[in-house]
């Protein structure tokens, strides 16, 4: 029989394993959210950087062609 180390109360194997499985499910959910935010931020940063570079290039081309 397993014991809860916080209270030294014996608990069933089913309760211990279901609690452990629940902890792993939350860990997977939190890791998924973390990676979604991280890679989402990287993706949008790259998109914004590419858009900004395109706008700067367009402005530069207009500035160069304005003189001719």
N, C-alpha and C. Protein backbone atom coordinates (compact mmCIF):
# COMPACT_ATOMS: atom_id res chain seq x y z
N UNK A 1 0.85 -1.19 0.00
CA UNK A 1 0.00 0.00 0.00
C UNK A 1 0.89 1.24 0.00
N UNK A 2 0.53 2.21 -0.80
CA UNK A 2 1.28 3.47 -0.90
C UNK A 2 0.86 4.44 0.19
N UNK A 3 1.76 5.33 0.53
CA UNK A 3 1.47 6.32 1.56
C UNK A 3 1.62 7.72 0.97
N UNK A 4 0.75 8.59 1.40
CA UNK A 4 0.87 9.99 1.06
C UNK A 4 1.91 10.58 2.01
N UNK A 5 3.02 11.05 1.47
CA UNK A 5 4.13 11.49 2.33
C UNK A 5 3.83 12.79 3.07
N UNK A 6 2.84 13.53 2.62
CA UNK A 6 2.51 14.77 3.32
C UNK A 6 1.74 14.49 4.61
N UNK A 7 0.87 13.51 4.59
CA UNK A 7 0.02 13.26 5.75
C UNK A 7 0.21 11.88 6.35
N UNK A 8 1.05 11.05 5.70
CA UNK A 8 1.27 9.66 6.12
C UNK A 8 -0.03 8.86 6.15
N UNK A 9 -0.97 9.22 5.31
CA UNK A 9 -2.23 8.50 5.22
C UNK A 9 -2.11 7.51 4.07
N UNK A 10 -2.42 6.23 4.32
CA UNK A 10 -2.33 5.28 3.22
C UNK A 10 -3.37 5.60 2.15
N UNK A 11 -2.97 5.43 0.90
CA UNK A 11 -3.92 5.66 -0.18
C UNK A 11 -3.82 4.50 -1.16
N UNK A 12 -4.87 4.32 -1.91
CA UNK A 12 -4.93 3.18 -2.81
C UNK A 12 -4.01 3.40 -4.01
N UNK A 13 -3.64 2.30 -4.64
CA UNK A 13 -2.79 2.35 -5.83
C UNK A 13 -3.51 3.08 -6.97
N UNK A 14 -4.81 2.87 -7.11
CA UNK A 14 -5.57 3.51 -8.17
C UNK A 14 -5.57 5.03 -8.01
N UNK A 15 -5.73 5.50 -6.77
CA UNK A 15 -5.73 6.94 -6.52
C UNK A 15 -4.35 7.53 -6.82
N UNK A 16 -3.31 6.81 -6.39
CA UNK A 16 -1.95 7.31 -6.59
C UNK A 16 -1.62 7.39 -8.08
N UNK A 17 -1.98 6.37 -8.84
CA UNK A 17 -1.64 6.36 -10.26
C UNK A 17 -2.52 7.33 -11.05
N UNK A 18 -3.79 7.47 -10.65
CA UNK A 18 -4.64 8.41 -11.38
C UNK A 18 -4.19 9.84 -11.11
N UNK A 19 -3.75 10.12 -9.90
CA UNK A 19 -3.24 11.44 -9.57
C UNK A 19 -1.96 11.72 -10.36
N UNK A 20 -1.12 10.72 -10.48
CA UNK A 20 0.12 10.87 -11.23
C UNK A 20 -0.17 11.09 -12.71
N UNK A 21 -1.13 10.35 -13.24
CA UNK A 21 -1.51 10.52 -14.64
C UNK A 21 -2.08 11.92 -14.87
N UNK A 22 -2.86 12.41 -13.93
CA UNK A 22 -3.42 13.75 -14.04
C UNK A 22 -2.32 14.80 -14.03
N UNK A 23 -1.31 14.59 -13.18
CA UNK A 23 -0.18 15.51 -13.14
C UNK A 23 0.55 15.54 -14.48
N UNK A 24 0.74 14.37 -15.08
CA UNK A 24 1.42 14.31 -16.38
C UNK A 24 0.58 14.96 -17.47
N UNK A 25 -0.74 14.82 -17.40
CA UNK A 25 -1.60 15.48 -18.39
C UNK A 25 -1.45 16.99 -18.29
N UNK A 26 -1.44 17.52 -17.06
CA UNK A 26 -1.28 18.97 -16.90
C UNK A 26 0.10 19.42 -17.36
N UNK A 27 1.10 18.59 -17.12
CA UNK A 27 2.45 18.92 -17.56
C UNK A 27 2.51 18.99 -19.08
N UNK A 28 1.86 18.05 -19.75
CA UNK A 28 1.82 18.05 -21.21
C UNK A 28 1.07 19.27 -21.73
N UNK A 29 -0.05 19.60 -21.09
CA UNK A 29 -0.83 20.77 -21.51
C UNK A 29 -0.01 22.05 -21.34
N UNK A 30 0.64 22.20 -20.19
CA UNK A 30 1.44 23.40 -19.95
C UNK A 30 2.62 23.50 -20.91
N UNK A 31 3.27 22.37 -21.19
CA UNK A 31 4.38 22.37 -22.14
C UNK A 31 3.89 22.73 -23.54
N UNK A 32 2.74 22.22 -23.92
CA UNK A 32 2.18 22.54 -25.24
C UNK A 32 1.86 24.02 -25.36
N UNK A 33 1.27 24.59 -24.32
CA UNK A 33 0.95 26.02 -24.34
C UNK A 33 2.23 26.84 -24.41
N UNK A 34 3.23 26.45 -23.63
CA UNK A 34 4.51 27.16 -23.63
C UNK A 34 5.14 27.15 -25.02
N UNK A 35 5.20 25.98 -25.64
CA UNK A 35 5.80 25.89 -26.97
C UNK A 35 4.97 26.62 -28.02
N UNK A 36 3.66 26.60 -27.89
CA UNK A 36 2.80 27.33 -28.84
C UNK A 36 3.07 28.83 -28.75
N UNK A 37 3.19 29.34 -27.53
CA UNK A 37 3.48 30.77 -27.35
C UNK A 37 4.87 31.10 -27.87
N UNK A 38 5.84 30.25 -27.54
CA UNK A 38 7.22 30.50 -27.95
C UNK A 38 7.36 30.50 -29.46
N UNK A 39 6.89 29.43 -30.11
CA UNK A 39 7.05 29.35 -31.56
C UNK A 39 6.12 30.32 -32.28
N UNK A 40 4.98 30.63 -31.69
CA UNK A 40 4.10 31.66 -32.26
C UNK A 40 4.79 33.01 -32.25
N UNK A 41 5.45 33.32 -31.15
CA UNK A 41 6.16 34.60 -31.05
C UNK A 41 7.30 34.66 -32.06
N UNK A 42 8.03 33.56 -32.20
CA UNK A 42 9.12 33.53 -33.18
C UNK A 42 8.57 33.70 -34.59
N UNK A 43 7.48 33.00 -34.89
CA UNK A 43 6.88 33.08 -36.23
C UNK A 43 6.42 34.50 -36.54
N UNK A 44 5.67 35.12 -35.61
CA UNK A 44 5.15 36.46 -35.88
C UNK A 44 6.27 37.50 -35.91
N UNK A 45 7.31 37.30 -35.12
CA UNK A 45 8.45 38.21 -35.16
C UNK A 45 9.11 38.16 -36.53
N UNK A 46 9.28 36.95 -37.05
CA UNK A 46 9.89 36.83 -38.38
C UNK A 46 8.99 37.42 -39.46
N UNK A 47 7.69 37.22 -39.33
CA UNK A 47 6.76 37.79 -40.32
C UNK A 47 6.81 39.31 -40.28
N UNK A 48 6.78 39.88 -39.08
CA UNK A 48 6.84 41.34 -38.96
C UNK A 48 8.16 41.89 -39.48
N UNK A 49 9.24 41.18 -39.20
CA UNK A 49 10.55 41.62 -39.68
C UNK A 49 10.60 41.60 -41.21
N UNK A 50 10.03 40.56 -41.82
CA UNK A 50 10.01 40.48 -43.28
C UNK A 50 9.14 41.59 -43.88
N UNK A 51 7.99 41.85 -43.26
CA UNK A 51 7.12 42.93 -43.74
C UNK A 51 7.80 44.29 -43.61
N UNK A 52 8.46 44.51 -42.49
CA UNK A 52 9.15 45.78 -42.28
C UNK A 52 10.28 45.95 -43.30
N UNK A 53 11.02 44.89 -43.58
CA UNK A 53 12.09 44.96 -44.57
C UNK A 53 11.53 45.26 -45.95
N UNK A 54 10.40 44.64 -46.28
CA UNK A 54 9.78 44.90 -47.58
C UNK A 54 9.31 46.35 -47.69
N UNK A 55 8.73 46.89 -46.63
CA UNK A 55 8.30 48.29 -46.64
C UNK A 55 9.48 49.24 -46.77
N UNK A 56 10.56 48.95 -46.06
CA UNK A 56 11.75 49.79 -46.16
C UNK A 56 12.34 49.74 -47.56
N UNK A 57 12.36 48.55 -48.14
CA UNK A 57 12.88 48.41 -49.50
C UNK A 57 12.00 49.16 -50.50
N UNK A 58 10.70 49.08 -50.32
CA UNK A 58 9.77 49.81 -51.20
C UNK A 58 9.98 51.31 -51.07
N UNK A 59 10.13 51.79 -49.84
CA UNK A 59 10.36 53.22 -49.62
C UNK A 59 11.68 53.66 -50.24
N UNK A 60 12.70 52.83 -50.11
CA UNK A 60 14.00 53.15 -50.70
C UNK A 60 13.92 53.19 -52.22
N UNK A 61 13.21 52.23 -52.80
CA UNK A 61 13.06 52.21 -54.26
C UNK A 61 12.29 53.44 -54.75
N UNK A 62 11.27 53.84 -54.02
CA UNK A 62 10.52 55.04 -54.41
C UNK A 62 11.40 56.29 -54.29
N UNK A 63 12.23 56.31 -53.26
CA UNK A 63 13.12 57.45 -53.06
C UNK A 63 14.16 57.51 -54.18
N UNK A 64 14.66 56.35 -54.59
CA UNK A 64 15.67 56.32 -55.65
C UNK A 64 15.08 56.68 -57.01
N UNK A 65 13.86 56.19 -57.27
CA UNK A 65 13.25 56.46 -58.58
C UNK A 65 12.66 57.86 -58.67
N UNK A 66 12.47 58.50 -57.53
CA UNK A 66 11.90 59.85 -57.53
C UNK A 66 12.88 60.86 -58.15
N UNK A 67 14.15 60.58 -58.01
CA UNK A 67 15.16 61.49 -58.55
C UNK A 67 15.27 61.45 -60.06
N UNK A 68 14.81 60.39 -60.69
CA UNK A 68 14.95 60.26 -62.15
C UNK A 68 13.78 60.84 -62.89
